[in-house]
Amino acid sequence: MKIEISNNGKWHQSLTIKMGVLVFLGLLFLIPLQMIKLVILERQKNSNAVRSEISDQWAIRQYVTGPVLNIPLKTIPKNKDEKVSFQTWHILPDQLEIKGEIHPEIRHRGIYKAVVYDSHLDFTGEFLIPDSYSIQDFEIQWKEAYYTLGITDNRGIRGNVKIETDSSEYEAVPGVKDTDLFKSGITFTPVITESISSHNFRISLNLSGSEGLFFIPVGKTTKTKISSTWNSPSFTGRFLPSKRTINSSGFIAEWLITNLNRNFPQSWIGSAYNINENFFGAELFLTVDHYQKAIRCAKYGLLFIALTFMVLIFLELTSEAKIHIFNYFLVALALALFFSLLTALSEHIGFSAAYLLSSVATIMMLTIFAKSFFAERKAVFIVSGLLVSLYAFIYIILSLNDFAFLAGNIGLFILLAIVMRFSGKINLFKKESMTDNQ
């Protein structure tokens, strides 16, 4: 008995095979999507490098510590064989009040930018000399006492700096005499009288830096008030402001920190404590980070391709139109190219404008392309409507920082329900049989 199988259908018109090829094609496009992500990361790396270069040439982010009163100590030998050594007694201010103004400026280099600033800071307060009974094994060198003010990058100091204390004024000298507390800064060498236990001080400092300005709460009570015209600050560090006001004209932030909020005392000898970890301040945050948004957007690349393929398949099953695999390939290529175009444009006109322009161009191109294989205008409108809804949905997700994950899951759940609703009305077995017999 001879059985002849006659099938004049073409293999690429089989629904099952076509869907399998489309799945493979969608997964294959993960490669160019990953390449686009790598390009975005490389551009972001270049932007960070330029930002660091501008900061290095201007002045890096500044951490200001102090002032601190330092009194050298000389050991008293207990016997003839013991060698004399020297240490430093560090005394922190009992009261410290800092008032400052930050004047930011955007610096550009090519298409990249960084924020730098000039600031004016006023330090006022009082030192109380502790009782010296706790350091009986040392000889206090009162005549060698000095004040230090820690500054991360001395290149940012503008003009002369003086300290007013005990009705006298002393000019700063560069560098610090010891590195127990900080590595760089300036030093004042006043005349300290042993009989006076209280010393008021005042320092005015013009300091430039980049990205942010931070302080160490060395006062037993540290009050800080910073104002600026920058309207997008990021308050970072161990302590957040007790009061803050942020609006379109800038920000005002106030901190109130006591010695009970930190893990070091008001005075000690040598380098017993690391105070630099207890910083607070304001970072001048650049709100437009188009590279980060472009990366987040590119993560939805496979979703763009899968949903577009799905709609085209449904339209193909419900109409007489036949779409070649090569056409699906071109559609996927256009969707992948959107992310590269978005990144390139966002470097010049910002993310929102670039997203709008790139999405409109992609939607128009795919809508015109859909007219070539869909005779009915209804099908073309469906494709166009899907793309508009998809791009709008992704933009909303990118805008919702805190609720992006929730909104994305709700949207995908609704979309899956719609797909299941429409697929239930299509007899796929019948369509498969009709396709194979054509």
Protein backbone atom coordinates (compact mmCIF):
# COMPACT_ATOMS: atom_id res chain seq x y z
CA MET A 1 0.00 0.00 0.00
CA LYS A 2 1.53 3.24 -1.13
CA ILE A 3 0.75 6.40 0.72
CA GLU A 4 1.42 9.68 -1.05
CA ILE A 5 1.59 12.87 0.88
CA SER A 6 0.87 15.93 -1.17
CA ASN A 7 1.56 19.28 0.39
CA ASN A 8 2.13 22.23 -1.82
CA GLY A 9 2.49 24.62 1.12
CA LYS A 10 5.71 26.37 1.73
CA TRP A 11 7.50 25.65 4.96
CA HIS A 12 7.95 29.34 5.85
CA GLN A 13 4.17 29.87 5.68
CA SER A 14 3.52 27.29 8.41
CA LEU A 15 2.20 29.08 11.51
CA THR A 16 4.07 26.85 13.93
CA ILE A 17 7.37 27.17 12.11
CA LYS A 18 6.90 30.91 11.68
CA MET A 19 6.25 31.40 15.38
CA GLY A 20 9.31 29.34 16.19
CA VAL A 21 11.43 31.42 13.81
CA LEU A 22 10.06 34.64 15.33
CA VAL A 23 10.93 33.47 18.83
CA PHE A 24 14.45 32.71 17.65
CA LEU A 25 14.61 36.07 15.88
CA GLY A 26 13.51 37.90 19.03
CA LEU A 27 16.14 36.13 21.11
CA LEU A 28 18.73 36.82 18.42
CA PHE A 29 18.06 40.54 18.75
CA LEU A 30 19.19 40.36 22.36
CA ILE A 31 22.71 40.56 20.92
CA PRO A 32 22.34 44.03 19.30
CA LEU A 33 20.35 45.20 22.33
CA GLN A 34 23.24 44.16 24.58
CA MET A 35 25.68 45.91 22.25
CA ILE A 36 23.60 49.09 22.52
CA LYS A 37 23.67 48.80 26.33
CA LEU A 38 27.45 48.50 26.21
CA VAL A 39 27.65 51.63 24.04
CA ILE A 40 25.47 53.51 26.54
CA LEU A 41 27.66 52.37 29.43
CA GLU A 42 30.77 53.43 27.53
CA ARG A 43 29.29 56.90 26.88
CA GLN A 44 28.36 57.13 30.56
CA LYS A 45 31.90 56.18 31.51
CA ASN A 46 33.27 58.91 29.23
CA SER A 47 30.89 61.41 30.85
CA ASN A 48 32.09 60.44 34.34
CA ALA A 49 35.70 60.69 33.21
CA VAL A 50 35.18 64.20 31.85
CA ARG A 51 33.34 65.18 35.03
CA SER A 52 36.26 63.92 37.13
CA GLU A 53 38.72 65.75 34.90
CA ILE A 54 36.84 69.04 35.30
CA SER A 55 36.67 68.47 39.07
CA ASP A 56 40.40 67.75 39.25
CA GLN A 57 41.22 70.94 37.36
CA TRP A 58 38.86 73.11 39.40
CA ALA A 59 38.81 71.49 42.85
CA ILE A 60 37.34 68.18 43.99
CA ARG A 61 34.41 67.84 46.37
CA GLN A 62 35.28 69.50 49.63
CA TYR A 63 35.14 68.08 53.15
CA VAL A 64 35.73 70.80 55.76
CA THR A 65 36.72 69.81 59.31
CA GLY A 66 37.23 72.12 62.22
CA PRO A 67 38.63 74.27 63.45
CA VAL A 68 40.53 72.13 65.95
CA LEU A 69 42.84 73.36 68.72
CA ASN A 70 46.06 71.31 68.87
CA ILE A 71 48.51 71.50 71.76
CA PRO A 72 51.81 69.58 71.50
CA LEU A 73 52.72 67.36 74.47
CA LYS A 74 56.16 66.25 75.59
CA THR A 75 56.52 63.04 77.59
CA ILE A 76 58.10 63.21 81.02
CA PRO A 77 60.70 60.40 81.26
CA LYS A 78 60.27 58.18 84.29
CA ASN A 79 63.92 57.09 84.19
CA LYS A 80 67.13 57.98 82.41
CA ASP A 81 66.77 55.25 79.79
CA GLU A 82 63.33 56.35 78.58
CA LYS A 83 63.39 58.51 75.44
CA VAL A 84 61.45 61.75 75.13
CA SER A 85 58.54 61.60 72.67
CA PHE A 86 56.00 64.08 71.40
CA GLN A 87 52.27 63.76 70.80
CA THR A 88 49.43 66.16 70.15
CA TRP A 89 46.46 66.96 72.35
CA HIS A 90 43.44 67.63 70.10
CA ILE A 91 40.63 69.77 71.52
CA LEU A 92 37.36 70.24 69.64
CA PRO A 93 35.18 73.35 69.94
CA ASP A 94 32.45 73.39 72.55
CA GLN A 95 30.22 75.45 70.28
CA LEU A 96 30.46 75.52 66.48
CA GLU A 97 28.20 77.41 64.11
CA ILE A 98 28.66 77.29 60.33
CA LYS A 99 26.82 79.53 57.87
CA GLY A 100 27.47 79.23 54.20
CA GLU A 101 26.34 80.11 50.70
CA ILE A 102 27.02 77.93 47.67
CA HIS A 103 27.11 79.50 44.20
CA PRO A 104 26.99 76.68 41.61
CA GLU A 105 28.00 76.79 37.97
CA ILE A 106 27.70 74.29 35.12
CA ARG A 107 30.91 73.68 33.18
CA HIS A 108 30.78 72.06 29.72
CA ARG A 109 33.37 70.12 27.81
CA GLY A 110 32.02 69.00 24.47
CA ILE A 111 28.65 67.33 25.06
CA TYR A 112 29.49 66.53 28.68
CA LYS A 113 28.99 68.73 31.73
CA ALA A 114 29.89 68.94 35.42
CA VAL A 115 28.81 71.16 38.29
CA VAL A 116 31.34 73.28 40.18
CA TYR A 117 30.81 75.94 42.81
CA ASP A 118 32.20 78.84 44.78
CA SER A 119 31.17 79.16 48.42
CA HIS A 120 31.48 81.57 51.30
CA LEU A 121 31.64 80.02 54.77
CA ASP A 122 31.64 81.62 58.21
CA PHE A 123 32.78 79.58 61.24
CA THR A 124 32.09 80.92 64.72
CA GLY A 125 32.28 79.25 68.12
CA GLU A 126 34.15 78.74 71.36
CA PHE A 127 36.84 76.44 72.70
CA LEU A 128 36.84 75.36 76.34
CA ILE A 129 40.19 73.99 77.51
CA PRO A 130 39.62 70.78 79.53
CA ASP A 131 41.30 70.24 82.89
CA SER A 132 44.86 69.02 82.38
CA TYR A 133 44.82 66.51 85.25
CA SER A 134 44.18 63.69 82.78
CA ILE A 135 47.54 64.27 81.05
CA GLN A 136 49.87 64.38 84.04
CA ASP A 137 52.49 62.25 82.29
CA PHE A 138 53.05 64.98 79.68
CA GLU A 139 54.49 68.45 79.66
CA ILE A 140 52.05 70.78 77.88
CA GLN A 141 53.72 72.98 75.26
CA TRP A 142 51.34 75.95 75.42
CA LYS A 143 53.58 78.17 73.30
CA GLU A 144 53.51 75.64 70.45
CA ALA A 145 49.70 75.40 70.27
CA TYR A 146 48.00 75.91 66.91
CA TYR A 147 44.61 75.73 65.22
CA THR A 148 43.98 73.59 62.13
CA LEU A 149 41.15 73.60 59.62
CA GLY A 150 40.84 70.48 57.49
CA ILE A 151 40.16 71.05 53.79
CA THR A 152 40.21 68.22 51.27
CA ASP A 153 41.61 70.24 48.36
CA ASN A 154 43.56 73.41 49.18
CA ARG A 155 43.38 74.49 45.54
CA GLY A 156 39.81 75.56 46.23
CA ILE A 157 40.84 78.24 48.76
CA ARG A 158 40.21 81.70 47.34
CA GLY A 159 42.10 84.59 48.92
CA ASN A 160 43.64 84.84 52.37
CA VAL A 161 42.13 83.13 55.41
CA LYS A 162 42.38 84.55 58.93
CA ILE A 163 41.16 83.52 62.34
CA GLU A 164 39.97 86.03 64.91
CA THR A 165 40.50 84.75 68.44
CA ASP A 166 41.20 86.30 71.84
CA SER A 167 40.85 89.81 70.34
CA SER A 168 43.67 89.07 67.89
CA GLU A 169 43.84 88.09 64.24
CA TYR A 170 46.15 85.46 62.76
CA GLU A 171 46.73 84.57 59.14
CA ALA A 172 46.68 80.97 57.93
CA VAL A 173 49.70 79.08 56.66
CA PRO A 174 49.39 76.18 54.19
CA GLY A 175 49.32 72.57 55.33
CA VAL A 176 48.74 70.91 58.69
CA LYS A 177 51.42 70.27 61.31
CA ASP A 178 50.08 66.80 62.12
CA THR A 179 47.97 64.27 60.27
CA ASP A 180 46.21 62.68 63.22
CA LEU A 181 42.80 64.04 62.15
CA PHE A 182 43.08 64.97 58.48
CA LYS A 183 45.69 64.95 55.73
CA SER A 184 45.40 68.45 54.27
CA GLY A 185 44.20 71.90 55.24
CA ILE A 186 45.53 75.10 56.79
CA THR A 187 47.10 76.04 60.12
CA PHE A 188 46.90 79.09 62.39
CA THR A 189 49.57 79.77 65.03
CA PRO A 190 48.03 82.00 67.71
CA VAL A 191 49.32 82.83 71.16
CA ILE A 192 47.51 80.59 73.67
CA THR A 193 47.59 81.71 77.31
CA GLU A 194 47.48 78.89 79.83
CA SER A 195 45.41 80.87 82.31
CA ILE A 196 42.59 81.46 79.83
CA SER A 197 40.24 78.48 79.59
CA SER A 198 37.85 79.91 77.00
CA HIS A 199 38.74 80.99 73.46
CA ASN A 200 36.23 82.44 70.99
CA PHE A 201 36.98 82.25 67.29
CA ARG A 202 35.73 83.41 63.91
CA ILE A 203 36.92 82.27 60.46
CA SER A 204 35.73 83.44 57.04
CA LEU A 205 36.56 81.15 54.15
CA ASN A 206 35.98 81.42 50.40
CA LEU A 207 36.17 77.88 49.08
CA SER A 208 35.64 76.40 45.62
CA GLY A 209 34.88 72.79 44.84
CA SER A 210 32.78 70.50 42.71
CA GLU A 211 29.79 68.18 43.08
CA GLY A 212 29.28 68.70 46.82
CA LEU A 213 30.24 70.40 50.07
CA PHE A 214 30.46 68.45 53.34
CA PHE A 215 31.38 69.04 56.99
CA ILE A 216 32.46 67.06 60.05
CA PRO A 217 30.47 67.85 63.26
CA VAL A 218 33.43 68.52 65.54
CA GLY A 219 31.54 70.85 67.90
CA LYS A 220 29.95 69.62 71.09
CA THR A 221 26.99 71.36 69.52
CA THR A 222 27.28 71.91 65.76
CA LYS A 223 24.79 74.21 64.06
CA THR A 224 25.02 74.48 60.28
CA LYS A 225 22.96 76.48 57.80
CA ILE A 226 23.68 76.24 54.08
CA SER A 227 21.83 78.02 51.27
CA SER A 228 22.25 77.83 47.50
CA THR A 229 20.55 78.63 44.21
CA TRP A 230 20.86 74.94 43.22
CA ASN A 231 17.35 73.47 43.17
CA SER A 232 18.15 69.77 43.10
CA PRO A 233 20.39 68.97 46.09
CA SER A 234 21.01 65.51 47.50
CA PHE A 235 21.61 65.55 51.27
CA THR A 236 24.05 62.76 52.09
CA GLY A 237 26.21 61.59 54.97
CA ARG A 238 25.56 60.33 58.48
CA PHE A 239 23.21 63.19 59.36
CA LEU A 240 20.21 64.59 57.48
CA PRO A 241 19.04 68.21 57.82
CA SER A 242 16.68 68.98 60.71
CA LYS A 243 15.09 71.63 58.48
CA ARG A 244 15.18 72.04 54.74
CA THR A 245 13.41 74.05 52.06
CA ILE A 246 13.74 73.20 48.37
CA ASN A 247 12.04 75.13 45.57
CA SER A 248 12.74 76.40 42.07
CA SER A 249 14.95 79.21 43.39
CA GLY A 250 17.26 76.92 45.39
CA PHE A 251 17.51 75.32 48.82
CA ILE A 252 18.12 76.15 52.47
CA ALA A 253 19.18 73.37 54.83
CA GLU A 254 19.91 73.40 58.57
CA TRP A 255 21.60 70.78 60.74
CA LEU A 256 21.78 70.52 64.52
CA ILE A 257 24.21 67.83 65.73
CA THR A 258 25.49 67.21 69.26
CA ASN A 259 28.41 65.17 70.57
CA LEU A 260 25.95 62.44 71.59
CA ASN A 261 25.19 61.83 67.90
CA ARG A 262 28.75 60.77 67.05
CA ASN A 263 31.35 58.28 68.27
CA PHE A 264 34.29 60.45 69.35
CA PRO A 265 34.88 62.72 72.41
CA GLN A 266 35.74 66.40 72.65
CA SER A 267 39.45 65.87 73.26
CA TRP A 268 42.02 63.09 72.98
CA ILE A 269 45.70 62.51 72.39
CA GLY A 270 47.16 61.31 69.09
CA SER A 271 45.19 59.50 66.38
CA ALA A 272 42.89 57.51 68.63
CA TYR A 273 39.72 58.32 66.65
CA ASN A 274 38.75 58.54 62.97
CA ILE A 275 36.36 61.45 62.66
CA ASN A 276 36.16 61.62 58.85
CA GLU A 277 33.40 59.02 58.58
CA ASN A 278 30.93 61.28 60.40
CA PHE A 279 30.32 63.76 57.60
CA PHE A 280 27.18 65.54 56.43
CA GLY A 281 26.37 68.02 53.69
CA ALA A 282 24.80 68.64 50.31
CA GLU A 283 25.63 67.16 46.96
CA LEU A 284 24.81 69.27 43.91
CA PHE A 285 23.00 66.53 42.05
CA LEU A 286 22.60 66.73 38.26
CA THR A 287 18.96 65.76 37.78
CA VAL A 288 19.22 64.86 34.08
CA ASP A 289 20.98 61.51 33.94
CA HIS A 290 19.97 60.45 30.44
CA TYR A 291 22.41 57.54 30.34
CA GLN A 292 20.80 55.86 33.32
CA LYS A 293 17.32 56.34 31.81
CA ALA A 294 18.54 55.04 28.43
CA ILE A 295 19.89 51.89 30.11
CA ARG A 296 16.58 51.36 31.91
CA CYS A 297 14.71 51.88 28.64
CA ALA A 298 16.94 49.42 26.75
CA LYS A 299 16.05 46.74 29.28
CA TYR A 300 12.55 46.76 27.80
CA GLY A 301 13.90 46.12 24.29
CA LEU A 302 12.78 42.50 24.13
CA LEU A 303 9.32 43.55 25.35
CA PHE A 304 9.07 46.05 22.46
CA ILE A 305 9.94 43.37 19.92
CA ALA A 306 7.76 40.62 21.44
CA LEU A 307 4.60 42.75 21.68
CA THR A 308 5.01 44.14 18.17
CA PHE A 309 5.54 40.63 16.77
CA MET A 310 2.47 39.41 18.65
CA VAL A 311 0.22 42.10 17.20
CA LEU A 312 1.51 41.48 13.70
CA ILE A 313 0.83 37.74 14.09
CA PHE A 314 -2.72 38.39 15.32
CA LEU A 315 -3.37 40.75 12.40
CA GLU A 316 -1.95 38.18 10.01
CA LEU A 317 -4.22 35.47 11.44
CA THR A 318 -7.34 37.64 11.28
CA SER A 319 -6.74 39.00 7.79
CA GLU A 320 -5.63 37.81 4.40
CA ALA A 321 -2.27 39.55 4.70
CA LYS A 322 0.90 37.51 4.72
CA ILE A 323 4.02 38.91 6.35
CA HIS A 324 7.37 37.50 5.34
CA ILE A 325 9.97 36.60 7.95
CA PHE A 326 12.27 39.21 6.46
CA ASN A 327 9.68 41.89 7.21
CA TYR A 328 9.61 40.80 10.84
CA PHE A 329 13.40 41.11 10.83
CA LEU A 330 13.19 44.70 9.56
CA VAL A 331 10.59 45.58 12.21
CA ALA A 332 12.82 44.21 14.97
CA LEU A 333 15.80 46.10 13.55
CA ALA A 334 13.84 49.37 13.61
CA LEU A 335 12.77 48.77 17.22
CA ALA A 336 16.36 48.05 18.28
CA LEU A 337 17.66 51.12 16.43
CA PHE A 338 15.30 53.27 18.52
CA PHE A 339 17.45 52.81 21.64
CA SER A 340 20.65 53.83 19.87
CA LEU A 341 18.92 56.87 18.37
CA LEU A 342 17.52 57.75 21.80
CA THR A 343 20.98 57.71 23.41
CA ALA A 344 22.57 59.79 20.65
CA LEU A 345 19.86 62.47 20.74
CA SER A 346 19.62 62.62 24.56
CA GLU A 347 23.26 63.74 24.77
CA HIS A 348 22.30 66.93 22.93
CA ILE A 349 18.64 67.73 23.64
CA GLY A 350 17.88 65.88 26.89
CA PHE A 351 16.15 62.57 27.54
CA SER A 352 12.48 63.62 27.33
CA ALA A 353 12.84 65.49 24.04
CA ALA A 354 15.02 62.70 22.62
CA TYR A 355 12.48 60.05 23.66
CA LEU A 356 9.65 61.96 22.00
CA LEU A 357 11.57 62.54 18.78
CA SER A 358 12.92 58.99 18.56
CA SER A 359 9.57 57.35 19.31
CA VAL A 360 7.70 59.55 16.79
CA ALA A 361 10.26 58.77 14.08
CA THR A 362 10.14 55.01 14.81
CA ILE A 363 6.33 54.90 14.94
CA MET A 364 6.00 56.80 11.64
CA MET A 365 8.54 54.55 9.93
CA LEU A 366 6.85 51.34 11.11
CA THR A 367 3.36 52.66 10.31
CA ILE A 368 4.39 53.47 6.72
CA PHE A 369 6.09 50.09 6.48
CA ALA A 370 2.92 48.33 7.73
CA LYS A 371 0.95 49.81 4.81
CA SER A 372 3.04 47.72 2.42
CA PHE A 373 1.58 44.41 3.62
CA PHE A 374 -1.78 45.42 5.19
CA ALA A 375 -4.44 46.46 2.71
CA GLU A 376 -6.92 47.49 5.41
CA ARG A 377 -6.39 50.81 7.15
CA LYS A 378 -7.78 49.29 10.33
CA ALA A 379 -4.79 46.98 10.65
CA VAL A 380 -2.36 49.85 10.09
CA PHE A 381 -4.12 51.92 12.76
CA ILE A 382 -3.89 48.99 15.18
CA VAL A 383 -0.14 48.71 14.63
CA SER A 384 0.29 52.46 15.04
CA GLY A 385 -1.92 52.53 18.15
CA LEU A 386 0.00 49.67 19.72
CA LEU A 387 3.32 51.43 19.21
CA VAL A 388 2.02 54.73 20.60
CA SER A 389 0.61 52.97 23.67
CA LEU A 390 3.78 50.94 24.15
CA TYR A 391 6.14 53.92 23.98
CA ALA A 392 3.87 55.98 26.24
CA PHE A 393 3.67 53.11 28.74
CA ILE A 394 7.45 52.69 28.89
CA TYR A 395 7.96 56.44 29.37
CA ILE A 396 5.51 56.46 32.26
CA ILE A 397 7.37 53.56 33.87
CA LEU A 398 10.67 55.44 33.49
CA SER A 399 9.13 58.50 35.14
CA LEU A 400 7.77 56.57 38.14
CA ASN A 401 10.92 55.95 40.17
CA ASP A 402 9.27 54.53 43.29
CA PHE A 403 6.30 52.82 41.61
CA ALA A 404 7.95 51.73 38.34
CA PHE A 405 8.07 48.04 39.29
CA LEU A 406 4.44 48.01 40.44
CA ALA A 407 3.20 49.94 37.39
CA GLY A 408 5.15 47.67 35.04
CA ASN A 409 3.70 44.49 36.54
CA ILE A 410 0.14 45.85 36.46
CA GLY A 411 0.57 46.91 32.85
CA LEU A 412 1.96 43.53 31.79
CA PHE A 413 -0.84 41.72 33.62
CA ILE A 414 -3.49 43.76 31.78
CA LEU A 415 -1.67 43.22 28.50
CA LEU A 416 -1.52 39.44 29.03
CA ALA A 417 -5.24 39.40 29.80
CA ILE A 418 -5.97 41.23 26.52
CA VAL A 419 -3.76 38.84 24.56
CA MET A 420 -5.47 35.80 26.11
CA ARG A 421 -8.86 37.33 25.32
CA PHE A 422 -8.06 37.80 21.64
CA SER A 423 -6.22 34.50 21.25
CA GLY A 424 -9.24 32.66 22.63
CA LYS A 425 -11.32 33.86 19.71
CA ILE A 426 -8.86 32.49 17.14
CA ASN A 427 -8.90 28.81 16.22
CA LEU A 428 -5.17 28.34 15.88
CA PHE A 429 -5.51 24.70 14.78
CA LYS A 430 -7.79 25.74 11.94
CA LYS A 431 -5.47 28.55 10.94
CA GLU A 432 -2.53 26.17 11.05
CA SER A 433 -4.36 23.70 8.80
CA MET A 434 -5.37 26.41 6.34
CA THR A 435 -1.82 27.73 6.22
CA ASP A 436 -0.34 24.30 5.56
CA ASN A 437 -2.83 23.55 2.74
CA GLN A 438 -2.24 26.81 0.91
